[in-house]
C-alpha cells in the first residue's frame, strides 16, 4: 500500500465540517449548565468566554479532523458505526492515555479526567462519523 493512500480521496469539506463540529461540541461541553461549573470547581479557575481560544481551537480541531480523516480512509470506513469506532479508538488510544498521565502525575481529580475525556470521546466520535459517511 502506498503511503499516499490515506491522503487520497479525503473530502476537505468533510474535514472542515468535522473540525467545526468538534469545536462546537467543546464549546457546548464546557457551558456552565453542562460541565463548565464542575470544571471551574475542580480546577479553581474562572470560566471566561473563550474568545481568544476559539481561533487556536478551530485550527487545532481542523488538524485533528484531517488526521482522523486519514485514519478513516486507511481503515476504509464508510458508515456511522465504523466512524464512531474509529473516533472512540483514537480517543481511548491517544487522548485518554495522555490524560491518564495528568490523572496520575498531576493528581487531577477523577471527575475532571472524566469531563476532559468525555469531551474528546463525544467530539472525536462525532467527527469520525462525519468523515466516514461523507467521503
C-alpha atoms as a PDB file:
ATOM      1  CA  UNK A   1       0.000   0.000   0.000  1.00  0.00           C
ATOM      2  CA  UNK A   2       1.310   3.394  -0.951  1.00  0.00           C
ATOM      3  CA  UNK A   3       1.959   5.829   1.868  1.00  0.00           C
ATOM      4  CA  UNK A   4      -0.154   8.347  -0.037  1.00  0.00           C
ATOM      5  CA  UNK A   5      -3.229   6.093   0.026  1.00  0.00           C
ATOM      6  CA  UNK A   6      -4.532   7.593   3.258  1.00  0.00           C
ATOM      7  CA  UNK A   7      -4.289  11.097   1.805  1.00  0.00           C
ATOM      8  CA  UNK A   8      -6.014  10.417  -1.482  1.00  0.00           C
ATOM      9  CA  UNK A   9      -9.720  10.956  -1.639  1.00  0.00           C
ATOM     10  CA  UNK A  10     -10.022  12.982   1.561  1.00  0.00           C
ATOM     11  CA  UNK A  11     -13.089  15.187   1.386  1.00  0.00           C
ATOM     12  CA  UNK A  12     -11.811  18.552   2.602  1.00  0.00           C
ATOM     13  CA  UNK A  13     -15.387  19.798   3.084  1.00  0.00           C
ATOM     14  CA  UNK A  14     -15.988  16.882   5.450  1.00  0.00           C
ATOM     15  CA  UNK A  15     -12.737  17.716   7.264  1.00  0.00           C
ATOM     16  CA  UNK A  16     -13.843  21.344   7.599  1.00  0.00           C
ATOM     17  CA  UNK A  17     -17.261  20.332   8.940  1.00  0.00           C
ATOM     18  CA  UNK A  18     -15.787  17.735  11.322  1.00  0.00           C
ATOM     19  CA  UNK A  19     -13.365  20.316  12.725  1.00  0.00           C
ATOM     20  CA  UNK A  20     -16.119  22.876  13.214  1.00  0.00           C
ATOM     21  CA  UNK A  21     -18.418  20.305  14.842  1.00  0.00           C
ATOM     22  CA  UNK A  22     -15.554  19.263  17.131  1.00  0.00           C
ATOM     23  CA  UNK A  23     -15.083  22.895  18.199  1.00  0.00           C
ATOM     24  CA  UNK A  24     -18.807  23.428  18.782  1.00  0.00           C
ATOM     25  CA  UNK A  25     -19.013  20.267  20.881  1.00  0.00           C
ATOM     26  CA  UNK A  26     -16.169  21.551  23.044  1.00  0.00           C
ATOM     27  CA  UNK A  27     -17.831  24.930  23.482  1.00  0.00           C
ATOM     28  CA  UNK A  28     -21.137  23.296  24.420  1.00  0.00           C
ATOM     29  CA  UNK A  29     -19.463  20.717  26.678  1.00  0.00           C
ATOM     30  CA  UNK A  30     -17.966  23.407  28.881  1.00  0.00           C
ATOM     31  CA  UNK A  31     -21.082  25.563  29.130  1.00  0.00           C
ATOM     32  CA  UNK A  32     -21.960  26.226  32.796  1.00  0.00           C
ATOM     33  CA  UNK A  33     -25.096  24.045  32.756  1.00  0.00           C
ATOM     34  CA  UNK A  34     -23.246  21.058  31.298  1.00  0.00           C
ATOM     35  CA  UNK A  35     -19.730  20.631  32.693  1.00  0.00           C
ATOM     36  CA  UNK A  36     -18.475  24.226  32.906  1.00  0.00           C
ATOM     37  CA  UNK A  37     -19.406  24.748  36.544  1.00  0.00           C
ATOM     38  CA  UNK A  38     -17.837  21.435  37.518  1.00  0.00           C
ATOM     39  CA  UNK A  39     -14.691  22.339  35.575  1.00  0.00           C
ATOM     40  CA  UNK A  40     -14.478  25.688  37.428  1.00  0.00           C
ATOM     41  CA  UNK A  41     -14.947  23.948  40.773  1.00  0.00           C
ATOM     42  CA  UNK A  42     -12.376  21.230  40.026  1.00  0.00           C
ATOM     43  CA  UNK A  43      -9.699  23.490  38.518  1.00  0.00           C
ATOM     44  CA  UNK A  44     -10.158  26.565  40.670  1.00  0.00           C
ATOM     45  CA  UNK A  45     -10.057  28.693  37.528  1.00  0.00           C
ATOM     46  CA  UNK A  46     -12.587  31.157  36.158  1.00  0.00           C
ATOM     47  CA  UNK A  47     -14.777  30.261  33.206  1.00  0.00           C
ATOM     48  CA  UNK A  48     -14.452  33.182  30.866  1.00  0.00           C
ATOM     49  CA  UNK A  49     -15.713  33.470  27.326  1.00  0.00           C
ATOM     50  CA  UNK A  50     -13.234  31.628  25.188  1.00  0.00           C
ATOM     51  CA  UNK A  51     -12.972  34.308  22.507  1.00  0.00           C
ATOM     52  CA  UNK A  52      -9.165  34.226  22.490  1.00  0.00           C
ATOM     53  CA  UNK A  53      -9.168  30.427  22.403  1.00  0.00           C
ATOM     54  CA  UNK A  54     -11.591  29.960  19.517  1.00  0.00           C
ATOM     55  CA  UNK A  55      -9.166  30.649  16.600  1.00  0.00           C
ATOM     56  CA  UNK A  56      -6.485  28.356  18.047  1.00  0.00           C
ATOM     57  CA  UNK A  57      -9.117  25.730  18.862  1.00  0.00           C
ATOM     58  CA  UNK A  58     -10.524  25.850  15.349  1.00  0.00           C
ATOM     59  CA  UNK A  59      -7.072  25.372  13.847  1.00  0.00           C
ATOM     60  CA  UNK A  60      -6.241  22.542  16.227  1.00  0.00           C
ATOM     61  CA  UNK A  61      -9.545  20.812  15.585  1.00  0.00           C
ATOM     62  CA  UNK A  62      -9.063  21.150  11.814  1.00  0.00           C
ATOM     63  CA  UNK A  63      -5.674  19.421  12.113  1.00  0.00           C
ATOM     64  CA  UNK A  64      -7.260  16.758  14.326  1.00  0.00           C
ATOM     65  CA  UNK A  65     -10.082  16.246  11.800  1.00  0.00           C
ATOM     66  CA  UNK A  66      -7.615  15.930   8.918  1.00  0.00           C
ATOM     67  CA  UNK A  67      -5.547  13.291  10.727  1.00  0.00           C
ATOM     68  CA  UNK A  68      -8.736  11.470  11.706  1.00  0.00           C
ATOM     69  CA  UNK A  69      -9.791  11.560   8.028  1.00  0.00           C
ATOM     70  CA  UNK A  70      -6.515   9.869   7.086  1.00  0.00           C
ATOM     71  CA  UNK A  71      -7.187   7.128   9.648  1.00  0.00           C
ATOM     72  CA  UNK A  72     -10.792   6.728   8.443  1.00  0.00           C
ATOM     73  CA  UNK A  73      -9.528   6.410   4.851  1.00  0.00           C
ATOM     74  CA  UNK A  74      -6.822   3.906   5.762  1.00  0.00           C
ATOM     75  CA  UNK A  75      -9.399   1.846   7.668  1.00  0.00           C
ATOM     76  CA  UNK A  76     -11.771   2.143   4.686  1.00  0.00           C
ATOM     77  CA  UNK A  77     -14.637   3.083   6.991  1.00  0.00           C
ATOM     78  CA  UNK A  78     -17.802   4.287   5.261  1.00  0.00           C
ATOM     79  CA  UNK A  79     -20.627   4.019   7.788  1.00  0.00           C
ATOM     80  CA  UNK A  80     -21.816   5.549  11.051  1.00  0.00           C
ATOM     81  CA  UNK A  81     -20.788   2.685  13.316  1.00  0.00           C
ATOM     82  CA  UNK A  82     -17.347   2.437  11.740  1.00  0.00           C
ATOM     83  CA  UNK A  83     -16.832   6.196  12.086  1.00  0.00           C
ATOM     84  CA  UNK A  84     -17.805   6.038  15.744  1.00  0.00           C
ATOM     85  CA  UNK A  85     -15.475   3.099  16.352  1.00  0.00           C
ATOM     86  CA  UNK A  86     -12.536   4.944  14.760  1.00  0.00           C
ATOM     87  CA  UNK A  87     -13.273   8.108  16.754  1.00  0.00           C
ATOM     88  CA  UNK A  88     -13.657   6.202  20.017  1.00  0.00           C
ATOM     89  CA  UNK A  89     -10.499   4.193  19.320  1.00  0.00           C
ATOM     90  CA  UNK A  90      -8.476   7.342  18.675  1.00  0.00           C
ATOM     91  CA  UNK A  91      -9.875   8.895  21.833  1.00  0.00           C
ATOM     92  CA  UNK A  92      -9.134   5.908  24.036  1.00  0.00           C
ATOM     93  CA  UNK A  93      -5.816   5.097  22.383  1.00  0.00           C
ATOM     94  CA  UNK A  94      -4.362   8.580  22.349  1.00  0.00           C
ATOM     95  CA  UNK A  95      -6.371  11.227  24.196  1.00  0.00           C
ATOM     96  CA  UNK A  96      -7.365   9.188  27.249  1.00  0.00           C
ATOM     97  CA  UNK A  97      -3.890   7.749  27.647  1.00  0.00           C
ATOM     98  CA  UNK A  98      -2.406  11.261  27.646  1.00  0.00           C
ATOM     99  CA  UNK A  99      -4.972  12.408  30.196  1.00  0.00           C
ATOM    100  CA  UNK A 100      -4.114   9.424  32.417  1.00  0.00           C
ATOM    101  CA  UNK A 101      -0.677  10.983  32.843  1.00  0.00           C
ATOM    102  CA  UNK A 102      -2.309  14.089  34.284  1.00  0.00           C
ATOM    103  CA  UNK A 103      -4.521  11.931  36.487  1.00  0.00           C
ATOM    104  CA  UNK A 104      -1.509  10.096  37.890  1.00  0.00           C
ATOM    105  CA  UNK A 105       1.296  12.666  37.911  1.00  0.00           C
ATOM    106  CA  UNK A 106      -0.584  15.933  38.342  1.00  0.00           C
ATOM    107  CA  UNK A 107      -3.156  14.308  40.612  1.00  0.00           C
ATOM    108  CA  UNK A 108      -6.158  15.872  38.855  1.00  0.00           C
ATOM    109  CA  UNK A 109      -9.494  14.695  40.246  1.00  0.00           C
ATOM    110  CA  UNK A 110     -11.067  11.676  38.547  1.00  0.00           C
ATOM    111  CA  UNK A 111     -14.166  13.760  37.773  1.00  0.00           C
ATOM    112  CA  UNK A 112     -12.021  16.298  35.871  1.00  0.00           C
ATOM    113  CA  UNK A 113     -10.363  13.447  33.980  1.00  0.00           C
ATOM    114  CA  UNK A 114     -13.799  12.109  33.004  1.00  0.00           C
ATOM    115  CA  UNK A 115     -15.009  15.552  31.908  1.00  0.00           C
ATOM    116  CA  UNK A 116     -11.958  16.029  29.687  1.00  0.00           C
ATOM    117  CA  UNK A 117     -12.023  12.537  28.192  1.00  0.00           C
ATOM    118  CA  UNK A 118     -15.800  12.683  27.740  1.00  0.00           C
ATOM    119  CA  UNK A 119     -15.404  15.862  25.696  1.00  0.00           C
ATOM    120  CA  UNK A 120     -12.816  14.162  23.483  1.00  0.00           C
ATOM    121  CA  UNK A 121     -14.896  10.987  23.198  1.00  0.00           C
ATOM    122  CA  UNK A 122     -18.023  12.777  22.006  1.00  0.00           C
ATOM    123  CA  UNK A 123     -16.065  15.132  19.755  1.00  0.00           C
ATOM    124  CA  UNK A 124     -13.895  12.511  18.075  1.00  0.00           C
ATOM    125  CA  UNK A 125     -16.704  10.004  17.612  1.00  0.00           C
ATOM    126  CA  UNK A 126     -18.863  12.730  16.039  1.00  0.00           C
ATOM    127  CA  UNK A 127     -16.022  13.784  13.751  1.00  0.00           C
ATOM    128  CA  UNK A 128     -15.377  10.138  12.871  1.00  0.00           C
ATOM    129  CA  UNK A 129     -18.995   9.692  11.807  1.00  0.00           C
ATOM    130  CA  UNK A 130     -18.908  12.800   9.608  1.00  0.00           C
ATOM    131  CA  UNK A 131     -15.656  11.729   7.974  1.00  0.00           C
ATOM    132  CA  UNK A 132     -16.844   8.158   7.412  1.00  0.00           C
ATOM    133  CA  UNK A 133     -20.195   8.937   5.804  1.00  0.00           C
ATOM    134  CA  UNK A 134     -19.129  12.000   3.776  1.00  0.00           C
ATOM    135  CA  UNK A 135     -16.207  10.629   1.783  1.00  0.00           C
END
